[in-house]
């Protein structure tokens, strides 16, 4: 019983994906943070949307990380959430 897979978000240090046989670290995209208010919610929303569109768990984690990274570069909660085109256009520094 219990969770078979867990994602631990670590802010600027990325995310840790733990599963039955091990774990994988996903480094965070480097951005200049302005406001971290909606980062967690944006990560979860991006992750869920990516999974729903057929992406693998690893791809969905990266997608959620990009969405969250973009959100922290903007002030506010709801206004900071990026659009699909924002996430698709993101180029790491």
N, C-alpha and C. Protein backbone atom coordinates (compact mmCIF):
# COMPACT_ATOMS: atom_id res chain seq x y z
N UNK A 1 0.85 -1.18 0.00
CA UNK A 1 0.00 0.00 0.00
C UNK A 1 0.89 1.24 0.00
N UNK A 2 0.31 2.35 -0.38
CA UNK A 2 1.06 3.59 -0.40
C UNK A 2 1.35 4.03 -1.82
N UNK A 3 2.00 5.15 -1.92
CA UNK A 3 2.30 5.73 -3.23
C UNK A 3 3.42 4.94 -3.92
N UNK A 4 3.19 4.59 -5.17
CA UNK A 4 4.21 3.88 -5.95
C UNK A 4 5.20 4.81 -6.60
N UNK A 5 4.75 6.04 -6.85
CA UNK A 5 5.61 7.05 -7.48
C UNK A 5 5.35 8.39 -6.81
N UNK A 6 6.42 9.16 -6.61
CA UNK A 6 6.31 10.45 -5.94
C UNK A 6 7.20 11.46 -6.66
N UNK A 7 6.70 12.68 -6.82
CA UNK A 7 7.52 13.78 -7.34
C UNK A 7 7.69 14.78 -6.20
N UNK A 8 8.93 15.10 -5.90
CA UNK A 8 9.25 16.08 -4.88
C UNK A 8 9.81 17.30 -5.60
N UNK A 9 9.12 18.43 -5.49
CA UNK A 9 9.64 19.65 -6.13
C UNK A 9 10.60 20.33 -5.16
N UNK A 10 11.70 20.82 -5.72
CA UNK A 10 12.78 21.38 -4.92
C UNK A 10 13.12 22.82 -5.31
N UNK A 11 12.16 23.52 -5.90
CA UNK A 11 12.40 24.90 -6.30
C UNK A 11 13.52 25.01 -7.32
N UNK A 12 14.45 25.88 -7.06
CA UNK A 12 15.56 26.12 -7.99
C UNK A 12 16.47 24.89 -8.16
N UNK A 13 16.34 23.91 -7.26
CA UNK A 13 17.14 22.69 -7.37
C UNK A 13 16.46 21.62 -8.23
N UNK A 14 15.27 21.91 -8.75
CA UNK A 14 14.61 20.98 -9.66
C UNK A 14 13.57 20.11 -9.01
N UNK A 15 13.47 18.88 -9.48
CA UNK A 15 12.49 17.91 -8.99
C UNK A 15 13.15 16.55 -8.84
N UNK A 16 12.63 15.79 -7.90
CA UNK A 16 13.09 14.43 -7.69
C UNK A 16 11.90 13.51 -7.93
N UNK A 17 12.06 12.57 -8.85
CA UNK A 17 11.02 11.60 -9.17
C UNK A 17 11.43 10.27 -8.57
N UNK A 18 10.69 9.82 -7.56
CA UNK A 18 10.99 8.56 -6.89
C UNK A 18 9.96 7.52 -7.30
N UNK A 19 10.43 6.33 -7.61
CA UNK A 19 9.55 5.24 -8.03
C UNK A 19 10.05 3.96 -7.38
N UNK A 20 9.36 2.87 -7.59
CA UNK A 20 9.63 1.62 -6.90
C UNK A 20 11.06 1.14 -6.89
N UNK A 21 11.81 1.37 -7.96
CA UNK A 21 13.16 0.83 -8.04
C UNK A 21 14.27 1.87 -7.97
N UNK A 22 13.93 3.13 -7.78
CA UNK A 22 14.97 4.16 -7.72
C UNK A 22 14.40 5.55 -7.78
N UNK A 23 15.22 6.46 -8.25
CA UNK A 23 14.80 7.85 -8.37
C UNK A 23 15.59 8.52 -9.49
N UNK A 24 15.06 9.67 -9.95
CA UNK A 24 15.74 10.46 -10.97
C UNK A 24 15.61 11.93 -10.60
N UNK A 25 16.71 12.65 -10.73
CA UNK A 25 16.71 14.10 -10.48
C UNK A 25 16.57 14.84 -11.80
N UNK A 26 15.69 15.84 -11.81
CA UNK A 26 15.49 16.70 -12.97
C UNK A 26 15.91 18.11 -12.59
N UNK A 27 17.04 18.61 -13.09
CA UNK A 27 17.47 19.98 -12.77
C UNK A 27 16.43 21.00 -13.25
N UNK A 28 16.30 22.08 -12.51
CA UNK A 28 15.34 23.13 -12.88
C UNK A 28 15.92 24.03 -13.96
N UNK A 29 15.06 24.53 -14.85
CA UNK A 29 15.52 25.55 -15.80
C UNK A 29 15.98 26.79 -15.02
N UNK A 30 17.03 27.41 -15.48
CA UNK A 30 17.56 28.61 -14.81
C UNK A 30 16.81 29.85 -15.28
N UNK A 31 16.20 30.54 -14.32
CA UNK A 31 15.48 31.79 -14.60
C UNK A 31 15.73 32.76 -13.45
N UNK A 32 15.39 34.02 -13.68
CA UNK A 32 15.47 35.03 -12.62
C UNK A 32 14.09 35.13 -11.96
N UNK A 33 13.97 34.61 -10.75
CA UNK A 33 12.68 34.60 -10.05
C UNK A 33 12.28 35.98 -9.56
N UNK A 34 10.99 36.29 -9.76
CA UNK A 34 10.40 37.55 -9.29
C UNK A 34 9.40 37.26 -8.17
N UNK A 35 8.56 36.23 -8.36
CA UNK A 35 7.50 35.89 -7.41
C UNK A 35 7.20 34.40 -7.55
N UNK A 36 7.36 33.65 -6.47
CA UNK A 36 7.19 32.20 -6.53
C UNK A 36 5.79 31.73 -6.12
N UNK A 37 4.86 32.67 -6.00
CA UNK A 37 3.52 32.37 -5.48
C UNK A 37 2.84 31.16 -6.13
N UNK A 38 2.82 31.07 -7.43
CA UNK A 38 2.05 30.02 -8.12
C UNK A 38 2.91 28.90 -8.69
N UNK A 39 4.15 28.82 -8.29
CA UNK A 39 5.06 27.85 -8.90
C UNK A 39 4.60 26.40 -8.73
N UNK A 40 4.23 26.02 -7.54
CA UNK A 40 3.81 24.64 -7.30
C UNK A 40 2.55 24.28 -8.06
N UNK A 41 1.55 25.14 -7.99
CA UNK A 41 0.30 24.89 -8.72
C UNK A 41 0.55 24.83 -10.22
N UNK A 42 1.40 25.69 -10.72
CA UNK A 42 1.71 25.71 -12.15
C UNK A 42 2.44 24.44 -12.56
N UNK A 43 3.36 23.98 -11.72
CA UNK A 43 4.05 22.72 -12.00
C UNK A 43 3.04 21.58 -12.11
N UNK A 44 2.17 21.46 -11.12
CA UNK A 44 1.20 20.36 -11.10
C UNK A 44 0.26 20.44 -12.31
N UNK A 45 -0.20 21.65 -12.63
CA UNK A 45 -1.07 21.81 -13.79
C UNK A 45 -0.38 21.45 -15.09
N UNK A 46 0.85 21.91 -15.24
CA UNK A 46 1.62 21.59 -16.45
C UNK A 46 1.91 20.11 -16.54
N UNK A 47 2.28 19.50 -15.42
CA UNK A 47 2.55 18.07 -15.38
C UNK A 47 1.31 17.28 -15.78
N UNK A 48 0.17 17.61 -15.18
CA UNK A 48 -1.07 16.89 -15.46
C UNK A 48 -1.50 17.07 -16.92
N UNK A 49 -1.40 18.29 -17.43
CA UNK A 49 -1.77 18.55 -18.83
C UNK A 49 -0.88 17.77 -19.78
N UNK A 50 0.41 17.71 -19.47
CA UNK A 50 1.35 16.97 -20.33
C UNK A 50 1.05 15.47 -20.30
N UNK A 51 0.77 14.93 -19.12
CA UNK A 51 0.40 13.51 -19.05
C UNK A 51 -0.87 13.24 -19.84
N UNK A 52 -1.86 14.12 -19.68
CA UNK A 52 -3.14 13.95 -20.38
C UNK A 52 -2.98 14.00 -21.89
N UNK A 53 -1.94 14.71 -22.36
CA UNK A 53 -1.71 14.81 -23.80
C UNK A 53 -0.87 13.65 -24.34
N UNK A 54 -0.48 12.72 -23.46
CA UNK A 54 0.24 11.54 -23.90
C UNK A 54 1.73 11.55 -23.67
N UNK A 55 2.26 12.58 -23.01
CA UNK A 55 3.70 12.62 -22.74
C UNK A 55 4.06 11.58 -21.67
N UNK A 56 5.31 11.14 -21.68
CA UNK A 56 5.80 10.23 -20.64
C UNK A 56 5.89 10.98 -19.32
N UNK A 57 6.09 10.26 -18.24
CA UNK A 57 6.25 10.93 -16.94
C UNK A 57 7.44 11.88 -16.95
N UNK A 58 8.57 11.45 -17.51
CA UNK A 58 9.76 12.31 -17.56
C UNK A 58 9.49 13.56 -18.39
N UNK A 59 8.85 13.40 -19.54
CA UNK A 59 8.52 14.56 -20.37
C UNK A 59 7.56 15.49 -19.65
N UNK A 60 6.60 14.91 -18.93
CA UNK A 60 5.62 15.72 -18.20
C UNK A 60 6.28 16.48 -17.05
N UNK A 61 7.25 15.88 -16.39
CA UNK A 61 7.98 16.58 -15.33
C UNK A 61 8.72 17.77 -15.92
N UNK A 62 9.41 17.55 -17.02
CA UNK A 62 10.14 18.66 -17.67
C UNK A 62 9.18 19.77 -18.11
N UNK A 63 8.03 19.38 -18.65
CA UNK A 63 7.03 20.36 -19.08
C UNK A 63 6.53 21.17 -17.87
N UNK A 64 6.20 20.47 -16.80
CA UNK A 64 5.76 21.16 -15.58
C UNK A 64 6.82 22.09 -15.03
N UNK A 65 8.08 21.67 -15.12
CA UNK A 65 9.17 22.51 -14.65
C UNK A 65 9.30 23.78 -15.49
N UNK A 66 9.16 23.66 -16.78
CA UNK A 66 9.24 24.84 -17.65
C UNK A 66 8.10 25.79 -17.33
N UNK A 67 6.89 25.25 -17.19
CA UNK A 67 5.74 26.09 -16.86
C UNK A 67 5.96 26.82 -15.54
N UNK A 68 6.45 26.09 -14.53
CA UNK A 68 6.70 26.70 -13.22
C UNK A 68 7.82 27.74 -13.30
N UNK A 69 8.87 27.43 -14.04
CA UNK A 69 9.98 28.38 -14.18
C UNK A 69 9.50 29.68 -14.82
N UNK A 70 8.67 29.56 -15.83
CA UNK A 70 8.13 30.77 -16.46
C UNK A 70 7.25 31.54 -15.49
N UNK A 71 6.47 30.83 -14.68
CA UNK A 71 5.55 31.51 -13.75
C UNK A 71 6.30 32.35 -12.72
N UNK A 72 7.46 31.90 -12.28
CA UNK A 72 8.18 32.67 -11.25
C UNK A 72 8.85 33.91 -11.80
N UNK A 73 8.88 34.07 -13.11
CA UNK A 73 9.47 35.27 -13.71
C UNK A 73 8.46 36.41 -13.78
N UNK A 74 7.24 36.16 -13.34
CA UNK A 74 6.16 37.15 -13.40
C UNK A 74 5.53 37.32 -12.02
N UNK A 75 4.99 38.49 -11.76
CA UNK A 75 4.35 38.76 -10.47
C UNK A 75 2.92 38.24 -10.45
N UNK A 76 2.49 37.85 -9.26
CA UNK A 76 1.11 37.42 -9.06
C UNK A 76 0.95 35.92 -9.19
N UNK A 77 -0.28 35.47 -8.92
CA UNK A 77 -0.56 34.04 -9.01
C UNK A 77 -1.15 33.71 -10.38
N UNK A 78 -2.42 33.95 -10.55
CA UNK A 78 -3.05 33.59 -11.83
C UNK A 78 -2.43 34.29 -13.03
N UNK A 79 -2.09 35.59 -12.95
CA UNK A 79 -1.47 36.24 -14.11
C UNK A 79 -0.10 35.69 -14.50
N UNK A 80 0.54 34.96 -13.58
CA UNK A 80 1.88 34.46 -13.88
C UNK A 80 1.87 33.13 -14.62
N UNK A 81 0.74 32.46 -14.68
CA UNK A 81 0.67 31.13 -15.30
C UNK A 81 0.86 31.27 -16.81
N UNK A 82 1.84 30.57 -17.37
CA UNK A 82 2.13 30.72 -18.80
C UNK A 82 1.11 30.00 -19.68
N UNK A 83 1.04 30.42 -20.91
CA UNK A 83 0.20 29.76 -21.91
C UNK A 83 0.96 28.58 -22.52
N UNK A 84 0.25 27.77 -23.27
CA UNK A 84 0.89 26.66 -23.98
C UNK A 84 1.98 27.17 -24.90
N UNK A 85 1.72 28.25 -25.61
CA UNK A 85 2.73 28.78 -26.53
C UNK A 85 3.94 29.33 -25.78
N UNK A 86 3.73 29.89 -24.58
CA UNK A 86 4.86 30.34 -23.76
C UNK A 86 5.78 29.17 -23.42
N UNK A 87 5.17 28.06 -23.00
CA UNK A 87 5.95 26.87 -22.59
C UNK A 87 6.67 26.29 -23.81
N UNK A 88 5.98 26.20 -24.93
CA UNK A 88 6.57 25.63 -26.13
C UNK A 88 7.72 26.49 -26.67
N UNK A 89 7.64 27.81 -26.45
CA UNK A 89 8.68 28.73 -26.96
C UNK A 89 9.87 28.85 -26.03
N UNK A 90 9.78 28.30 -24.80
CA UNK A 90 10.86 28.46 -23.82
C UNK A 90 12.16 27.87 -24.33
N UNK A 91 13.21 28.66 -24.22
CA UNK A 91 14.57 28.22 -24.58
C UNK A 91 15.43 28.39 -23.33
N UNK A 92 16.01 27.29 -22.83
CA UNK A 92 16.86 27.41 -21.64
C UNK A 92 18.07 28.31 -21.89
N UNK A 93 18.48 28.98 -20.84
CA UNK A 93 19.64 29.89 -20.94
C UNK A 93 20.92 29.12 -21.05
